[in-house]
């Protein structure tokens, strides 16, 4: 009779985030610094999965990260990386007002405001021409309703009231090309 086969961690592969290229400690982790890898890890190993990408990009590496290294939350500083003179501010937008949901952490967006249907005489205009996106949180599956994305951006303290005022009506986040994309 055949002996029973032992299960190994490779019998249950999962997709986790790994470092795509070296990132020095203190540097902001960009989208290009992270990739997905299918791994067979033992149960209980704390890793960051594909769904955690928005929580990784835009954060600061608290330790040097080597290419191929499996990412854990302990390797990243607690909050988003804010440049001096910038503050974090969040706006709730539906995916169709955030480049069909393509806006993600690490991107740059322009903020365009327009009136509400009750204000047909209000003209659309650019409120902020280029702001970095710190994070994008998807609505919880049980939220129902409009399913708004919660998008956090880095603005100056002077820009914050402009964004707050614009968010009272309809705003669109216009995805800008990444540096080097032409």
N, C-alpha and C. Protein backbone atom coordinates (compact mmCIF):
# COMPACT_ATOMS: atom_id res chain seq x y z
N UNK A 1 0.83 -1.18 0.00
CA UNK A 1 0.00 0.00 0.00
C UNK A 1 0.88 1.24 0.00
N UNK A 2 0.38 2.28 -0.65
CA UNK A 2 1.15 3.53 -0.76
C UNK A 2 1.07 4.29 0.54
N UNK A 3 2.19 4.90 0.92
CA UNK A 3 2.19 5.69 2.14
C UNK A 3 1.51 7.03 1.86
N UNK A 4 0.84 7.60 2.85
CA UNK A 4 0.16 8.89 2.64
C UNK A 4 1.19 9.98 2.33
N UNK A 5 0.80 10.86 1.41
CA UNK A 5 1.68 11.96 1.02
C UNK A 5 1.53 13.11 2.01
N UNK A 6 2.65 13.67 2.40
CA UNK A 6 2.62 14.83 3.30
C UNK A 6 2.38 16.08 2.48
N UNK A 7 1.55 16.94 2.99
CA UNK A 7 1.29 18.21 2.32
C UNK A 7 2.42 19.18 2.65
N UNK A 8 2.82 19.93 1.67
CA UNK A 8 3.84 20.96 1.92
C UNK A 8 3.24 22.32 1.62
N UNK A 9 3.97 23.36 2.01
CA UNK A 9 3.47 24.71 1.79
C UNK A 9 3.35 25.03 0.30
N UNK A 10 4.05 24.32 -0.56
CA UNK A 10 3.95 24.58 -1.99
C UNK A 10 2.68 23.99 -2.59
N UNK A 11 1.93 23.20 -1.80
CA UNK A 11 0.66 22.67 -2.28
C UNK A 11 -0.43 23.74 -2.29
N UNK A 12 -0.19 24.85 -1.60
CA UNK A 12 -1.17 25.93 -1.51
C UNK A 12 -0.52 27.27 -1.83
N UNK A 13 -0.12 27.48 -3.10
CA UNK A 13 0.55 28.74 -3.43
C UNK A 13 -0.39 29.93 -3.32
N UNK A 14 0.17 31.06 -2.95
CA UNK A 14 -0.59 32.31 -2.86
C UNK A 14 0.19 33.41 -3.58
N UNK A 15 -0.53 34.42 -4.03
CA UNK A 15 0.11 35.56 -4.69
C UNK A 15 0.41 36.61 -3.64
N UNK A 16 1.69 36.91 -3.48
CA UNK A 16 2.13 37.90 -2.51
C UNK A 16 2.96 38.98 -3.19
N UNK A 17 3.14 40.08 -2.48
CA UNK A 17 3.96 41.18 -3.00
C UNK A 17 5.42 40.95 -2.62
N UNK A 18 6.29 41.14 -3.60
CA UNK A 18 7.73 41.06 -3.36
C UNK A 18 8.37 42.31 -3.94
N UNK A 19 9.60 42.56 -3.51
CA UNK A 19 10.34 43.72 -3.97
C UNK A 19 10.85 43.44 -5.39
N UNK A 20 10.57 44.34 -6.32
CA UNK A 20 10.98 44.16 -7.71
C UNK A 20 12.42 44.62 -7.95
N UNK A 21 12.84 45.62 -7.20
CA UNK A 21 14.21 46.14 -7.32
C UNK A 21 14.60 46.75 -5.98
N UNK A 22 15.88 46.91 -5.78
CA UNK A 22 16.39 47.40 -4.50
C UNK A 22 15.79 48.76 -4.15
N UNK A 23 15.38 48.91 -2.88
CA UNK A 23 14.86 50.17 -2.36
C UNK A 23 15.61 50.47 -1.07
N UNK A 24 16.38 51.57 -1.03
CA UNK A 24 17.11 51.91 0.20
C UNK A 24 16.14 52.31 1.32
N UNK A 25 16.55 52.10 2.55
CA UNK A 25 15.77 52.56 3.71
C UNK A 25 15.57 54.07 3.60
N UNK A 26 14.37 54.52 3.93
CA UNK A 26 14.07 55.95 3.88
C UNK A 26 13.52 56.41 2.54
N UNK A 27 13.53 55.56 1.52
CA UNK A 27 13.02 55.93 0.19
C UNK A 27 11.56 55.53 0.08
N UNK A 28 10.78 56.33 -0.66
CA UNK A 28 9.38 56.02 -0.91
C UNK A 28 9.30 54.82 -1.86
N UNK A 29 8.44 53.87 -1.54
CA UNK A 29 8.23 52.69 -2.38
C UNK A 29 7.28 53.07 -3.51
N UNK A 30 7.74 52.95 -4.75
CA UNK A 30 6.92 53.27 -5.92
C UNK A 30 6.26 52.03 -6.48
N UNK A 31 5.31 52.24 -7.37
CA UNK A 31 4.59 51.12 -7.99
C UNK A 31 5.55 50.17 -8.71
N UNK A 32 6.59 50.72 -9.34
CA UNK A 32 7.55 49.91 -10.09
C UNK A 32 8.50 49.13 -9.17
N UNK A 33 8.47 49.43 -7.87
CA UNK A 33 9.34 48.75 -6.91
C UNK A 33 8.72 47.46 -6.37
N UNK A 34 7.46 47.19 -6.74
CA UNK A 34 6.72 46.06 -6.19
C UNK A 34 6.21 45.19 -7.33
N UNK A 35 6.28 43.87 -7.13
CA UNK A 35 5.70 42.96 -8.13
C UNK A 35 4.99 41.83 -7.39
N UNK A 36 4.19 41.08 -8.13
CA UNK A 36 3.46 39.95 -7.56
C UNK A 36 4.22 38.68 -7.87
N UNK A 37 4.31 37.80 -6.89
CA UNK A 37 4.95 36.50 -7.10
C UNK A 37 4.08 35.42 -6.46
N UNK A 38 4.02 34.27 -7.13
CA UNK A 38 3.29 33.13 -6.56
C UNK A 38 4.24 32.39 -5.63
N UNK A 39 3.89 32.36 -4.37
CA UNK A 39 4.77 31.78 -3.36
C UNK A 39 4.07 30.64 -2.64
N UNK A 40 4.85 29.72 -2.16
CA UNK A 40 4.35 28.65 -1.31
C UNK A 40 4.94 28.83 0.07
N UNK A 41 4.28 29.59 0.91
CA UNK A 41 4.80 29.88 2.25
C UNK A 41 4.03 29.09 3.29
N UNK A 42 4.69 28.82 4.37
CA UNK A 42 4.05 28.10 5.48
C UNK A 42 2.94 28.96 6.07
N UNK A 43 1.87 28.32 6.57
CA UNK A 43 0.80 29.08 7.21
C UNK A 43 1.36 29.91 8.36
N UNK A 44 0.81 31.10 8.55
CA UNK A 44 1.24 31.96 9.65
C UNK A 44 2.33 32.94 9.27
N UNK A 45 2.91 32.82 8.06
CA UNK A 45 3.92 33.78 7.63
C UNK A 45 3.19 35.07 7.25
N UNK A 46 3.54 36.16 7.88
CA UNK A 46 2.87 37.44 7.64
C UNK A 46 3.43 38.09 6.38
N UNK A 47 2.64 38.07 5.34
CA UNK A 47 3.04 38.69 4.07
C UNK A 47 1.98 39.70 3.66
N UNK A 48 2.29 40.45 2.62
CA UNK A 48 1.33 41.39 2.06
C UNK A 48 0.86 40.82 0.72
N UNK A 49 -0.44 40.65 0.58
CA UNK A 49 -1.01 40.07 -0.63
C UNK A 49 -1.24 41.10 -1.72
N UNK A 50 -1.72 40.62 -2.86
CA UNK A 50 -1.98 41.47 -4.01
C UNK A 50 -2.89 42.64 -3.64
N UNK A 51 -3.89 42.39 -2.81
CA UNK A 51 -4.83 43.43 -2.40
C UNK A 51 -4.23 44.52 -1.52
N UNK A 52 -3.01 44.30 -1.03
CA UNK A 52 -2.36 45.28 -0.16
C UNK A 52 -1.50 46.28 -0.92
N UNK A 53 -1.44 46.18 -2.24
CA UNK A 53 -0.56 47.04 -3.05
C UNK A 53 -0.79 48.52 -2.75
N UNK A 54 -2.04 48.93 -2.62
CA UNK A 54 -2.34 50.33 -2.33
C UNK A 54 -1.84 50.79 -0.97
N UNK A 55 -1.63 49.85 -0.05
CA UNK A 55 -1.09 50.18 1.28
C UNK A 55 0.43 50.22 1.27
N UNK A 56 1.06 49.71 0.21
CA UNK A 56 2.52 49.63 0.14
C UNK A 56 3.09 50.81 -0.66
N UNK A 57 2.54 51.03 -1.85
CA UNK A 57 3.04 52.09 -2.73
C UNK A 57 2.78 53.45 -2.09
N UNK A 58 3.82 54.28 -2.05
CA UNK A 58 3.71 55.60 -1.45
C UNK A 58 4.20 55.64 0.00
N UNK A 59 4.48 54.49 0.59
CA UNK A 59 5.01 54.45 1.95
C UNK A 59 6.53 54.44 1.90
N UNK A 60 7.13 54.65 3.04
CA UNK A 60 8.59 54.74 3.14
C UNK A 60 9.15 53.42 3.66
N UNK A 61 10.19 52.92 2.99
CA UNK A 61 10.86 51.70 3.44
C UNK A 61 11.58 52.00 4.76
N UNK A 62 11.27 51.24 5.81
CA UNK A 62 11.92 51.47 7.10
C UNK A 62 13.24 50.71 7.21
N UNK A 63 13.46 49.76 6.29
CA UNK A 63 14.71 48.98 6.21
C UNK A 63 15.09 48.88 4.75
N UNK A 64 16.35 48.57 4.43
CA UNK A 64 16.71 48.36 3.02
C UNK A 64 15.94 47.15 2.47
N UNK A 65 15.39 47.30 1.27
CA UNK A 65 14.63 46.21 0.64
C UNK A 65 15.43 45.67 -0.53
N UNK A 66 15.59 44.35 -0.58
CA UNK A 66 16.35 43.71 -1.65
C UNK A 66 15.39 43.13 -2.68
N UNK A 67 15.80 43.13 -3.94
CA UNK A 67 14.99 42.55 -5.02
C UNK A 67 14.67 41.10 -4.68
N UNK A 68 13.40 40.71 -4.85
CA UNK A 68 12.97 39.35 -4.58
C UNK A 68 12.50 39.11 -3.15
N UNK A 69 12.76 40.07 -2.26
CA UNK A 69 12.39 39.92 -0.86
C UNK A 69 10.86 39.97 -0.72
N UNK A 70 10.30 39.09 0.11
CA UNK A 70 8.86 39.10 0.39
C UNK A 70 8.57 40.28 1.30
N UNK A 71 7.55 41.08 0.95
CA UNK A 71 7.22 42.27 1.73
C UNK A 71 6.35 41.94 2.93
N UNK A 72 6.65 42.61 4.04
CA UNK A 72 5.80 42.56 5.23
C UNK A 72 5.56 44.00 5.69
N UNK A 73 4.50 44.20 6.45
CA UNK A 73 4.18 45.56 6.90
C UNK A 73 5.26 46.12 7.81
N UNK A 74 6.03 45.27 8.50
CA UNK A 74 7.09 45.74 9.39
C UNK A 74 8.21 46.42 8.63
N UNK A 75 8.31 46.20 7.32
CA UNK A 75 9.37 46.80 6.51
C UNK A 75 9.04 48.22 6.07
N UNK A 76 7.84 48.68 6.39
CA UNK A 76 7.37 49.99 5.93
C UNK A 76 7.03 50.87 7.11
N UNK A 77 7.33 52.18 6.97
CA UNK A 77 6.95 53.12 8.02
C UNK A 77 5.44 53.18 8.12
N UNK A 78 4.95 53.62 9.27
CA UNK A 78 3.53 53.60 9.56
C UNK A 78 2.63 54.42 8.66
N UNK A 79 3.07 55.54 8.18
CA UNK A 79 2.17 56.40 7.43
C UNK A 79 2.66 56.70 6.04
N UNK A 80 1.88 57.46 5.30
CA UNK A 80 2.30 57.81 3.96
C UNK A 80 3.48 58.78 3.99
N UNK A 81 4.25 58.78 2.94
CA UNK A 81 5.38 59.69 2.84
C UNK A 81 4.86 61.06 2.42
N UNK A 82 5.03 62.04 3.26
CA UNK A 82 4.62 63.41 2.94
C UNK A 82 5.86 64.27 2.79
N UNK A 83 5.93 64.97 1.68
CA UNK A 83 7.03 65.91 1.48
C UNK A 83 6.84 67.08 2.44
N UNK A 84 7.92 67.76 2.80
CA UNK A 84 7.77 68.93 3.67
C UNK A 84 6.80 69.93 3.04
N UNK A 85 5.93 70.50 3.86
CA UNK A 85 4.97 71.48 3.37
C UNK A 85 3.69 70.87 2.82
N UNK A 86 3.58 69.55 2.85
CA UNK A 86 2.37 68.88 2.34
C UNK A 86 1.59 68.25 3.49
N UNK A 87 0.28 68.18 3.29
CA UNK A 87 -0.61 67.51 4.23
C UNK A 87 -1.41 66.48 3.46
N UNK A 88 -1.91 65.47 4.16
CA UNK A 88 -2.74 64.45 3.53
C UNK A 88 -4.20 64.85 3.67
N UNK A 89 -4.94 64.66 2.57
CA UNK A 89 -6.37 64.98 2.58
C UNK A 89 -7.07 63.94 1.72
N UNK A 90 -8.26 63.55 2.12
CA UNK A 90 -8.99 62.52 1.40
C UNK A 90 -10.27 63.06 0.79
N UNK A 91 -10.63 62.50 -0.37
CA UNK A 91 -11.89 62.82 -1.03
C UNK A 91 -12.55 61.50 -1.42
N UNK A 92 -13.87 61.49 -1.38
CA UNK A 92 -14.62 60.30 -1.79
C UNK A 92 -15.16 60.55 -3.19
N UNK A 93 -14.82 59.65 -4.11
CA UNK A 93 -15.29 59.78 -5.49
C UNK A 93 -15.72 58.40 -6.00
N UNK A 94 -16.67 58.41 -6.90
CA UNK A 94 -17.07 57.16 -7.53
C UNK A 94 -16.01 56.79 -8.56
N UNK A 95 -15.86 55.50 -8.88
CA UNK A 95 -14.82 55.10 -9.83
C UNK A 95 -14.89 55.83 -11.17
N UNK A 96 -16.08 56.14 -11.65
CA UNK A 96 -16.17 56.84 -12.95
C UNK A 96 -15.64 58.26 -12.88
N UNK A 97 -15.46 58.79 -11.68
CA UNK A 97 -14.86 60.12 -11.52
C UNK A 97 -13.40 60.03 -11.10
N UNK A 98 -12.83 58.81 -11.17
CA UNK A 98 -11.42 58.59 -10.83
C UNK A 98 -10.79 57.76 -11.95
N UNK A 99 -10.92 58.26 -13.18
CA UNK A 99 -10.35 57.58 -14.36
C UNK A 99 -10.78 56.11 -14.40
N UNK A 100 -12.09 55.89 -14.22
CA UNK A 100 -12.68 54.54 -14.24
C UNK A 100 -12.05 53.63 -13.19
N UNK A 101 -11.60 54.22 -12.07
CA UNK A 101 -11.00 53.42 -11.01
C UNK A 101 -9.54 53.11 -11.22
N UNK A 102 -8.90 53.71 -12.24
CA UNK A 102 -7.49 53.44 -12.52
C UNK A 102 -6.54 54.22 -11.62
N UNK A 103 -7.04 55.22 -10.90
CA UNK A 103 -6.20 56.00 -10.00
C UNK A 103 -5.69 55.08 -8.89
N UNK A 104 -4.38 55.13 -8.63
CA UNK A 104 -3.80 54.30 -7.58
C UNK A 104 -2.69 55.05 -6.87
N UNK A 105 -2.29 54.54 -5.72
CA UNK A 105 -1.23 55.16 -4.94
C UNK A 105 0.02 55.28 -5.79
N UNK A 106 0.69 56.42 -5.67
CA UNK A 106 1.90 56.67 -6.44
C UNK A 106 1.65 57.45 -7.72
N UNK A 107 0.39 57.53 -8.15
CA UNK A 107 0.04 58.28 -9.36
C UNK A 107 -0.04 59.77 -9.03
N UNK A 108 -0.12 60.59 -10.08
CA UNK A 108 -0.38 62.02 -9.94
C UNK A 108 -1.69 62.30 -10.64
N UNK A 109 -2.51 63.18 -10.05
CA UNK A 109 -3.79 63.52 -10.63
C UNK A 109 -3.99 65.03 -10.64
N UNK A 110 -4.81 65.47 -11.58
CA UNK A 110 -5.34 66.83 -11.56
C UNK A 110 -6.75 66.73 -11.00
N UNK A 111 -7.17 67.75 -10.27
CA UNK A 111 -8.52 67.77 -9.71
C UNK A 111 -9.34 68.79 -10.50
N UNK A 112 -10.42 68.30 -11.12
CA UNK A 112 -11.31 69.14 -11.91
C UNK A 112 -12.65 69.19 -11.19
N UNK A 113 -13.16 70.39 -10.97
CA UNK A 113 -14.44 70.55 -10.28
C UNK A 113 -15.49 71.06 -11.25
N UNK A 114 -16.70 70.56 -11.08
CA UNK A 114 -17.85 71.06 -11.83
C UNK A 114 -19.01 71.17 -10.86
N UNK A 115 -20.01 71.85 -11.26
CA UNK A 115 -21.16 72.04 -10.38
C UNK A 115 -22.00 70.79 -10.27
N UNK A 116 -23.08 70.91 -9.55
CA UNK A 116 -24.05 69.83 -9.43
C UNK A 116 -25.12 70.02 -10.50
N UNK A 117 -25.96 69.02 -10.73
CA UNK A 117 -27.04 69.20 -11.71
C UNK A 117 -27.93 70.40 -11.40
N UNK A 118 -28.00 70.78 -10.13
CA UNK A 118 -28.80 71.95 -9.75
C UNK A 118 -28.07 73.26 -10.05
N UNK A 119 -26.82 73.18 -10.50
CA UNK A 119 -26.02 74.38 -10.81
C UNK A 119 -25.53 74.33 -12.26
N UNK A 120 -26.43 74.35 -13.25
CA UNK A 120 -25.99 74.22 -14.65
C UNK A 120 -25.13 75.36 -15.15
N UNK A 121 -25.15 76.50 -14.46
CA UNK A 121 -24.35 77.65 -14.89
C UNK A 121 -22.91 77.60 -14.39
N UNK A 122 -22.59 76.66 -13.49
CA UNK A 122 -21.23 76.54 -12.99
C UNK A 122 -20.37 75.85 -14.03
N UNK A 123 -19.25 76.48 -14.38
CA UNK A 123 -18.34 75.91 -15.39
C UNK A 123 -17.30 75.03 -14.71
N UNK A 124 -16.94 73.96 -15.41
CA UNK A 124 -15.90 73.08 -14.89
C UNK A 124 -14.56 73.79 -14.97
N UNK A 125 -13.68 73.49 -14.02
CA UNK A 125 -12.36 74.10 -14.03
C UNK A 125 -11.37 73.27 -13.24
N UNK A 126 -10.10 73.46 -13.56
CA UNK A 126 -9.03 72.76 -12.85
C UNK A 126 -8.80 73.46 -11.51
N UNK A 127 -8.94 72.71 -10.43
CA UNK A 127 -8.74 73.25 -9.09
C UNK A 127 -7.28 73.07 -8.69
N UNK A 128 -6.74 71.86 -8.91
CA UNK A 128 -5.34 71.55 -8.61
C UNK A 128 -4.77 70.84 -9.83
N UNK A 129 -3.62 71.31 -10.31
CA UNK A 129 -3.11 70.79 -11.58
C UNK A 129 -2.30 69.50 -11.47
N UNK A 130 -1.68 69.22 -10.33
CA UNK A 130 -0.90 67.99 -10.20
C UNK A 130 -0.63 67.71 -8.73
N UNK A 131 -1.31 66.70 -8.19
CA UNK A 131 -1.10 66.31 -6.81
C UNK A 131 -0.83 64.81 -6.74
N UNK A 132 0.08 64.38 -5.84
CA UNK A 132 0.37 62.96 -5.71
C UNK A 132 -0.72 62.23 -4.92
N UNK A 133 -1.03 61.02 -5.38
CA UNK A 133 -2.00 60.16 -4.69
C UNK A 133 -1.23 59.32 -3.67
N UNK A 134 -1.65 59.39 -2.41
CA UNK A 134 -1.00 58.63 -1.34
C UNK A 134 -1.59 57.24 -1.20
N UNK A 135 -2.92 57.15 -1.29
CA UNK A 135 -3.57 55.85 -1.15
C UNK A 135 -4.95 55.90 -1.77
N UNK A 136 -5.45 54.71 -2.11
CA UNK A 136 -6.81 54.56 -2.60
C UNK A 136 -7.42 53.39 -1.85
N UNK A 137 -8.51 53.65 -1.15
CA UNK A 137 -9.21 52.59 -0.43
C UNK A 137 -10.50 52.27 -1.15
N UNK A 138 -10.69 51.00 -1.43
CA UNK A 138 -11.92 50.55 -2.08
C UNK A 138 -13.03 50.51 -1.05
N UNK A 139 -14.28 50.70 -1.51
CA UNK A 139 -15.38 50.62 -0.55
C UNK A 139 -15.53 49.19 -0.05
N UNK A 140 -15.97 49.01 1.20
CA UNK A 140 -16.17 47.65 1.70
C UNK A 140 -17.25 46.95 0.86
N UNK A 141 -17.13 45.63 0.66
CA UNK A 141 -18.09 44.92 -0.19
C UNK A 141 -19.53 45.04 0.30
N UNK A 142 -19.71 45.20 1.60
CA UNK A 142 -21.08 45.27 2.14
C UNK A 142 -21.59 46.71 2.25
N UNK A 143 -20.86 47.67 1.67
CA UNK A 143 -21.24 49.08 1.80
C UNK A 143 -22.51 49.40 1.05
N UNK A 144 -22.73 48.72 -0.10
CA UNK A 144 -23.90 49.04 -0.89
C UNK A 144 -23.82 50.46 -1.41
N UNK A 145 -24.91 51.01 -1.86
CA UNK A 145 -24.95 52.41 -2.28
C UNK A 145 -24.04 52.71 -3.44
N UNK A 146 -23.36 53.84 -3.36
CA UNK A 146 -22.61 54.35 -4.50
C UNK A 146 -21.23 53.75 -4.67
N UNK A 147 -20.69 53.09 -3.66
CA UNK A 147 -19.38 52.46 -3.80
C UNK A 147 -18.28 53.46 -4.11
N UNK A 148 -18.11 54.44 -3.25
CA UNK A 148 -17.11 55.48 -3.48
C UNK A 148 -15.72 55.01 -3.07
N UNK A 149 -14.72 55.44 -3.85
CA UNK A 149 -13.32 55.23 -3.50
C UNK A 149 -12.92 56.35 -2.56
N UNK A 150 -12.11 56.03 -1.57
CA UNK A 150 -11.58 57.06 -0.69
C UNK A 150 -10.13 57.29 -1.13
N UNK A 151 -9.90 58.43 -1.78
CA UNK A 151 -8.60 58.74 -2.36
C UNK A 151 -7.91 59.79 -1.51
N UNK A 152 -6.72 59.46 -0.99
CA UNK A 152 -5.94 60.41 -0.20
C UNK A 152 -4.85 61.00 -1.07
N UNK A 153 -4.75 62.32 -1.04
CA UNK A 153 -3.76 63.03 -1.85
C UNK A 153 -2.92 63.93 -0.95
N UNK A 154 -1.74 64.30 -1.44
CA UNK A 154 -0.85 65.21 -0.70
C UNK A 154 -1.00 66.60 -1.30
N UNK A 155 -1.48 67.53 -0.49
CA UNK A 155 -1.67 68.91 -0.94
C UNK A 155 -0.97 69.85 0.03
N UNK A 156 -0.78 71.10 -0.39
CA UNK A 156 -0.26 72.08 0.56
C UNK A 156 -1.41 72.53 1.45
N UNK A 157 -1.09 73.12 2.57
CA UNK A 157 -2.12 73.61 3.47
C UNK A 157 -2.99 74.66 2.78
N UNK A 158 -2.39 75.42 1.86
CA UNK A 158 -3.14 76.44 1.12
C UNK A 158 -4.09 75.81 0.11
N UNK A 159 -3.74 74.63 -0.43
CA UNK A 159 -4.60 73.96 -1.41
C UNK A 159 -5.75 73.22 -0.75
N UNK A 160 -5.59 72.85 0.52
CA UNK A 160 -6.60 72.04 1.21
C UNK A 160 -8.00 72.67 1.18
N UNK A 161 -8.17 73.97 1.47
CA UNK A 161 -9.53 74.54 1.41
C UNK A 161 -10.10 74.54 -0.01
N UNK A 162 -9.25 74.69 -1.03
CA UNK A 162 -9.73 74.64 -2.42
C UNK A 162 -10.31 73.26 -2.73
N UNK A 163 -9.61 72.22 -2.29
CA UNK A 163 -10.08 70.86 -2.52
C UNK A 163 -11.35 70.59 -1.72
N UNK A 164 -11.38 71.05 -0.48
CA UNK A 164 -12.57 70.84 0.36
C UNK A 164 -13.79 71.50 -0.26
N UNK A 165 -13.64 72.72 -0.76
CA UNK A 165 -14.75 73.44 -1.39
C UNK A 165 -15.20 72.72 -2.66
N UNK A 166 -14.23 72.30 -3.47
CA UNK A 166 -14.56 71.62 -4.73
C UNK A 166 -15.29 70.31 -4.47
N UNK A 167 -14.92 69.60 -3.40
CA UNK A 167 -15.50 68.30 -3.10
C UNK A 167 -16.96 68.40 -2.67
N UNK A 168 -17.44 69.62 -2.40
CA UNK A 168 -18.85 69.80 -2.05
C UNK A 168 -19.74 69.58 -3.26
N UNK A 169 -19.20 69.71 -4.46
CA UNK A 169 -19.95 69.48 -5.69
C UNK A 169 -19.40 68.21 -6.35
N UNK A 170 -19.23 68.22 -7.64
CA UNK A 170 -18.69 67.05 -8.35
C UNK A 170 -17.23 67.32 -8.69
N UNK A 171 -16.37 66.36 -8.34
CA UNK A 171 -14.97 66.48 -8.76
C UNK A 171 -14.58 65.24 -9.54
N UNK A 172 -13.65 65.43 -10.45
CA UNK A 172 -13.05 64.34 -11.21
C UNK A 172 -11.56 64.35 -10.93
N UNK A 173 -11.00 63.16 -10.75
CA UNK A 173 -9.55 63.01 -10.61
C UNK A 173 -9.03 62.56 -11.97
N UNK A 174 -8.25 63.41 -12.61
CA UNK A 174 -7.73 63.15 -13.94
C UNK A 174 -6.35 62.54 -13.80
N UNK A 175 -6.19 61.31 -14.26
CA UNK A 175 -4.92 60.60 -14.16
C UNK A 175 -3.90 61.23 -15.10
N UNK A 176 -2.76 61.65 -14.55
CA UNK A 176 -1.70 62.28 -15.33
C UNK A 176 -0.64 61.25 -15.70
N UNK A 177 0.10 61.46 -16.80
CA UNK A 177 1.14 60.50 -17.15
C UNK A 177 2.23 60.46 -16.09
N UNK A 178 2.81 59.28 -15.91
CA UNK A 178 3.93 59.14 -14.97
C UNK A 178 5.14 59.84 -15.57
N UNK A 179 6.06 60.25 -14.71
CA UNK A 179 7.29 60.89 -15.18
C UNK A 179 7.98 59.93 -16.14
N UNK A 180 8.39 60.43 -17.28
CA UNK A 180 9.07 59.62 -18.27
C UNK A 180 8.13 58.97 -19.27
N UNK A 181 6.79 59.08 -19.05
CA UNK A 181 5.83 58.51 -19.99
C UNK A 181 5.54 59.45 -21.16
N UNK A 182 6.17 60.62 -21.15
CA UNK A 182 6.01 61.53 -22.27
C UNK A 182 4.92 62.47 -22.06
